[in-house]
């Protein structure tokens, strides 16, 4: 057994997983991002919809966006998110609450006679809530993270 996953988790402040087979929150996020990229590349609305918890407004928006790309005859290949930071806010067996700063690092719009790299995205910080449904992590909520600057500013007044 290697100690690397435990050391990385400790250094990132994520805590060691209960056992080596339990994925870290960062691993859960990366795997979810990869499944999302695969759904976009395959132009698969059903696969994309399955990544989200029932009733997720973020899921509805993502599905609508994929549908709009499809209607224009385009799909997105090689989508890759770059995770800049992750802070675990809450963690249970069936629920993860994360504060994530990430950006779209790569992606290519592909269609009939079209192959154009997507522009790089600026970093954004969001509060993500993932829930475990039937053994798979699904995104339940995506919201802009509260800025600490307004909290600090209000305390100084």
C-alpha atoms as a PDB file:
ATOM      1  CA  UNK A   1       0.000   0.000   0.000  1.00  0.00           C
ATOM      2  CA  UNK A   2       1.331   3.416  -0.933  1.00  0.00           C
ATOM      3  CA  UNK A   3       1.171   6.373   1.424  1.00  0.00           C
ATOM      4  CA  UNK A   4       1.028   8.950  -1.364  1.00  0.00           C
ATOM      5  CA  UNK A   5      -2.793   9.366  -1.420  1.00  0.00           C
ATOM      6  CA  UNK A   6      -2.841   9.842   2.359  1.00  0.00           C
ATOM      7  CA  UNK A   7       0.039  12.335   2.295  1.00  0.00           C
ATOM      8  CA  UNK A   8      -1.523  14.356  -0.536  1.00  0.00           C
ATOM      9  CA  UNK A   9      -4.897  14.398   1.193  1.00  0.00           C
ATOM     10  CA  UNK A  10      -3.284  15.553   4.438  1.00  0.00           C
ATOM     11  CA  UNK A  11      -1.274  18.277   2.681  1.00  0.00           C
ATOM     12  CA  UNK A  12      -4.381  19.530   0.861  1.00  0.00           C
ATOM     13  CA  UNK A  13      -6.354  19.524   4.099  1.00  0.00           C
ATOM     14  CA  UNK A  14      -8.802  16.961   2.772  1.00  0.00           C
ATOM     15  CA  UNK A  15      -8.207  14.329   5.436  1.00  0.00           C
ATOM     16  CA  UNK A  16      -7.243  10.765   4.666  1.00  0.00           C
ATOM     17  CA  UNK A  17      -9.900   8.557   3.114  1.00  0.00           C
ATOM     18  CA  UNK A  18     -11.411   5.907   5.379  1.00  0.00           C
ATOM     19  CA  UNK A  19      -9.751   3.235   3.275  1.00  0.00           C
ATOM     20  CA  UNK A  20      -7.585   3.365   0.156  1.00  0.00           C
ATOM     21  CA  UNK A  21     -10.548   2.399  -2.054  1.00  0.00           C
ATOM     22  CA  UNK A  22     -12.529   5.479  -0.932  1.00  0.00           C
ATOM     23  CA  UNK A  23     -11.905   8.325  -3.374  1.00  0.00           C
ATOM     24  CA  UNK A  24     -10.868  11.715  -2.076  1.00  0.00           C
ATOM     25  CA  UNK A  25     -13.188  14.665  -2.764  1.00  0.00           C
ATOM     26  CA  UNK A  26     -10.703  15.898  -5.393  1.00  0.00           C
ATOM     27  CA  UNK A  27     -10.815  12.492  -7.120  1.00  0.00           C
ATOM     28  CA  UNK A  28     -14.644  12.580  -7.045  1.00  0.00           C
ATOM     29  CA  UNK A  29     -14.606  16.026  -8.684  1.00  0.00           C
ATOM     30  CA  UNK A  30     -12.071  15.017 -11.356  1.00  0.00           C
ATOM     31  CA  UNK A  31     -14.008  11.862 -12.209  1.00  0.00           C
ATOM     32  CA  UNK A  32     -17.266  13.843 -12.428  1.00  0.00           C
ATOM     33  CA  UNK A  33     -15.603  16.421 -14.720  1.00  0.00           C
ATOM     34  CA  UNK A  34     -14.311  13.607 -16.960  1.00  0.00           C
ATOM     35  CA  UNK A  35     -17.771  12.056 -17.237  1.00  0.00           C
ATOM     36  CA  UNK A  36     -19.224  15.477 -18.086  1.00  0.00           C
ATOM     37  CA  UNK A  37     -16.580  16.025 -20.779  1.00  0.00           C
ATOM     38  CA  UNK A  38     -17.379  12.591 -22.248  1.00  0.00           C
ATOM     39  CA  UNK A  39     -21.116  13.409 -22.385  1.00  0.00           C
ATOM     40  CA  UNK A  40     -20.389  16.702 -24.148  1.00  0.00           C
ATOM     41  CA  UNK A  41     -17.994  15.032 -26.627  1.00  0.00           C
ATOM     42  CA  UNK A  42     -20.598  12.349 -27.401  1.00  0.00           C
ATOM     43  CA  UNK A  43     -23.361  14.974 -27.686  1.00  0.00           C
ATOM     44  CA  UNK A  44     -25.297  12.772 -25.243  1.00  0.00           C
ATOM     45  CA  UNK A  45     -28.064  14.606 -23.406  1.00  0.00           C
ATOM     46  CA  UNK A  46     -29.117  11.515 -21.439  1.00  0.00           C
ATOM     47  CA  UNK A  47     -25.593  10.874 -20.125  1.00  0.00           C
ATOM     48  CA  UNK A  48     -25.222  14.540 -19.210  1.00  0.00           C
ATOM     49  CA  UNK A  49     -28.604  14.567 -17.439  1.00  0.00           C
ATOM     50  CA  UNK A  50     -27.547  11.499 -15.378  1.00  0.00           C
ATOM     51  CA  UNK A  51     -24.620  13.462 -13.919  1.00  0.00           C
ATOM     52  CA  UNK A  52     -27.017  15.721 -12.046  1.00  0.00           C
ATOM     53  CA  UNK A  53     -29.383  15.058  -9.176  1.00  0.00           C
ATOM     54  CA  UNK A  54     -33.072  15.244  -9.990  1.00  0.00           C
ATOM     55  CA  UNK A  55     -34.251  18.861  -9.885  1.00  0.00           C
ATOM     56  CA  UNK A  56     -30.768  20.386 -10.190  1.00  0.00           C
ATOM     57  CA  UNK A  57     -31.018  23.803 -11.844  1.00  0.00           C
ATOM     58  CA  UNK A  58     -27.345  23.535 -12.816  1.00  0.00           C
ATOM     59  CA  UNK A  59     -28.149  20.273 -14.573  1.00  0.00           C
ATOM     60  CA  UNK A  60     -31.071  21.827 -16.450  1.00  0.00           C
ATOM     61  CA  UNK A  61     -28.833  24.698 -17.569  1.00  0.00           C
ATOM     62  CA  UNK A  62     -26.035  22.357 -18.683  1.00  0.00           C
ATOM     63  CA  UNK A  63     -28.461  20.170 -20.654  1.00  0.00           C
ATOM     64  CA  UNK A  64     -29.987  23.279 -22.288  1.00  0.00           C
ATOM     65  CA  UNK A  65     -26.520  24.493 -23.245  1.00  0.00           C
ATOM     66  CA  UNK A  66     -25.576  21.131 -24.788  1.00  0.00           C
ATOM     67  CA  UNK A  67     -28.890  21.101 -26.684  1.00  0.00           C
ATOM     68  CA  UNK A  68     -28.134  24.600 -28.069  1.00  0.00           C
ATOM     69  CA  UNK A  69     -24.700  23.460 -29.280  1.00  0.00           C
ATOM     70  CA  UNK A  70     -26.335  20.391 -30.864  1.00  0.00           C
ATOM     71  CA  UNK A  71     -28.912  22.551 -32.662  1.00  0.00           C
ATOM     72  CA  UNK A  72     -26.044  24.586 -34.150  1.00  0.00           C
ATOM     73  CA  UNK A  73     -24.447  21.358 -35.395  1.00  0.00           C
ATOM     74  CA  UNK A  74     -21.585  21.540 -32.911  1.00  0.00           C
ATOM     75  CA  UNK A  75     -20.205  19.484 -30.068  1.00  0.00           C
ATOM     76  CA  UNK A  76     -17.303  20.057 -27.688  1.00  0.00           C
ATOM     77  CA  UNK A  77     -14.397  17.635 -27.660  1.00  0.00           C
ATOM     78  CA  UNK A  78     -11.376  17.453 -25.368  1.00  0.00           C
ATOM     79  CA  UNK A  79     -13.047  19.535 -22.656  1.00  0.00           C
ATOM     80  CA  UNK A  80     -10.785  19.766 -19.634  1.00  0.00           C
ATOM     81  CA  UNK A  81     -11.304  21.641 -16.402  1.00  0.00           C
ATOM     82  CA  UNK A  82      -8.312  22.890 -14.454  1.00  0.00           C
ATOM     83  CA  UNK A  83      -8.976  22.741 -10.731  1.00  0.00           C
ATOM     84  CA  UNK A  84      -7.012  25.469  -8.963  1.00  0.00           C
ATOM     85  CA  UNK A  85      -8.235  24.879  -5.425  1.00  0.00           C
ATOM     86  CA  UNK A  86     -10.679  22.729  -3.487  1.00  0.00           C
ATOM     87  CA  UNK A  87     -11.834  23.180   0.085  1.00  0.00           C
ATOM     88  CA  UNK A  88     -14.070  20.578   1.677  1.00  0.00           C
ATOM     89  CA  UNK A  89     -16.907  22.298   3.569  1.00  0.00           C
ATOM     90  CA  UNK A  90     -18.827  19.144   4.518  1.00  0.00           C
ATOM     91  CA  UNK A  91     -18.414  15.453   3.854  1.00  0.00           C
ATOM     92  CA  UNK A  92     -20.566  12.430   4.607  1.00  0.00           C
ATOM     93  CA  UNK A  93     -20.906   9.049   2.892  1.00  0.00           C
ATOM     94  CA  UNK A  94     -23.575  10.455   0.594  1.00  0.00           C
ATOM     95  CA  UNK A  95     -22.887  14.181   0.366  1.00  0.00           C
ATOM     96  CA  UNK A  96     -19.949  16.449  -0.449  1.00  0.00           C
ATOM     97  CA  UNK A  97     -19.958  20.218  -0.159  1.00  0.00           C
ATOM     98  CA  UNK A  98     -16.932  21.771  -1.835  1.00  0.00           C
ATOM     99  CA  UNK A  99     -15.664  25.271  -2.484  1.00  0.00           C
ATOM    100  CA  UNK A 100     -13.938  24.953  -5.856  1.00  0.00           C
ATOM    101  CA  UNK A 101     -11.932  27.394  -7.926  1.00  0.00           C
ATOM    102  CA  UNK A 102     -11.523  26.137 -11.473  1.00  0.00           C
ATOM    103  CA  UNK A 103     -11.589  27.160 -15.104  1.00  0.00           C
ATOM    104  CA  UNK A 104     -12.117  25.663 -18.516  1.00  0.00           C
ATOM    105  CA  UNK A 105      -8.543  24.907 -19.619  1.00  0.00           C
ATOM    106  CA  UNK A 106      -9.229  23.191 -22.948  1.00  0.00           C
ATOM    107  CA  UNK A 107     -11.976  22.326 -25.367  1.00  0.00           C
ATOM    108  CA  UNK A 108     -12.533  22.221 -29.107  1.00  0.00           C
ATOM    109  CA  UNK A 109     -15.757  23.124 -30.898  1.00  0.00           C
ATOM    110  CA  UNK A 110     -16.285  20.552 -33.657  1.00  0.00           C
ATOM    111  CA  UNK A 111     -18.865  20.492 -36.418  1.00  0.00           C
ATOM    112  CA  UNK A 112     -19.229  20.148 -40.171  1.00  0.00           C
ATOM    113  CA  UNK A 113     -16.124  21.919 -41.458  1.00  0.00           C
ATOM    114  CA  UNK A 114     -15.467  23.467 -38.047  1.00  0.00           C
ATOM    115  CA  UNK A 115     -12.690  22.689 -35.600  1.00  0.00           C
ATOM    116  CA  UNK A 116     -12.010  25.664 -33.343  1.00  0.00           C
ATOM    117  CA  UNK A 117     -10.373  25.755 -29.889  1.00  0.00           C
ATOM    118  CA  UNK A 118     -12.583  27.288 -27.226  1.00  0.00           C
ATOM    119  CA  UNK A 119     -11.238  30.394 -25.517  1.00  0.00           C
ATOM    120  CA  UNK A 120      -9.747  29.800 -22.099  1.00  0.00           C
ATOM    121  CA  UNK A 121     -12.063  30.591 -19.275  1.00  0.00           C
ATOM    122  CA  UNK A 122     -11.217  32.831 -16.345  1.00  0.00           C
ATOM    123  CA  UNK A 123     -11.074  31.204 -12.941  1.00  0.00           C
ATOM    124  CA  UNK A 124     -14.300  31.190 -10.947  1.00  0.00           C
ATOM    125  CA  UNK A 125     -15.101  30.003  -7.455  1.00  0.00           C
ATOM    126  CA  UNK A 126     -18.270  28.082  -6.753  1.00  0.00           C
ATOM    127  CA  UNK A 127     -19.908  26.097  -3.990  1.00  0.00           C
ATOM    128  CA  UNK A 128     -20.677  22.608  -5.265  1.00  0.00           C
ATOM    129  CA  UNK A 129     -22.932  20.065  -3.603  1.00  0.00           C
ATOM    130  CA  UNK A 130     -22.569  16.487  -4.832  1.00  0.00           C
ATOM    131  CA  UNK A 131     -24.817  13.680  -3.644  1.00  0.00           C
ATOM    132  CA  UNK A 132     -24.357   9.951  -4.009  1.00  0.00           C
ATOM    133  CA  UNK A 133     -27.248   8.306  -5.874  1.00  0.00           C
ATOM    134  CA  UNK A 134     -27.209   4.595  -6.712  1.00  0.00           C
ATOM    135  CA  UNK A 135     -23.455   4.470  -6.128  1.00  0.00           C
ATOM    136  CA  UNK A 136     -22.613   7.461  -8.354  1.00  0.00           C
ATOM    137  CA  UNK A 137     -21.823  11.043  -7.460  1.00  0.00           C
ATOM    138  CA  UNK A 138     -24.279  13.528  -8.972  1.00  0.00           C
ATOM    139  CA  UNK A 139     -24.161  17.295  -8.897  1.00  0.00           C
ATOM    140  CA  UNK A 140     -27.061  18.616  -6.859  1.00  0.00           C
ATOM    141  CA  UNK A 141     -26.184  22.296  -6.663  1.00  0.00           C
ATOM    142  CA  UNK A 142     -23.754  24.809  -8.150  1.00  0.00           C
ATOM    143  CA  UNK A 143     -23.730  28.329  -6.762  1.00  0.00           C
ATOM    144  CA  UNK A 144     -21.255  31.191  -6.819  1.00  0.00           C
ATOM    145  CA  UNK A 145     -19.169  31.028  -3.658  1.00  0.00           C
ATOM    146  CA  UNK A 146     -19.589  33.847  -1.212  1.00  0.00           C
ATOM    147  CA  UNK A 147     -16.705  36.235  -1.350  1.00  0.00           C
ATOM    148  CA  UNK A 148     -14.805  36.648   1.875  1.00  0.00           C
ATOM    149  CA  UNK A 149     -13.954  40.222   0.882  1.00  0.00           C
ATOM    150  CA  UNK A 150     -17.506  41.450   1.578  1.00  0.00           C
ATOM    151  CA  UNK A 151     -17.424  39.736   4.978  1.00  0.00           C
ATOM    152  CA  UNK A 152     -14.111  41.353   5.839  1.00  0.00           C
ATOM    153  CA  UNK A 153     -15.281  44.725   4.562  1.00  0.00           C
ATOM    154  CA  UNK A 154     -18.486  44.575   6.635  1.00  0.00           C
ATOM    155  CA  UNK A 155     -16.540  43.776   9.810  1.00  0.00           C
ATOM    156  CA  UNK A 156     -14.275  46.768   9.286  1.00  0.00           C
ATOM    157  CA  UNK A 157     -17.086  49.314   9.027  1.00  0.00           C
END
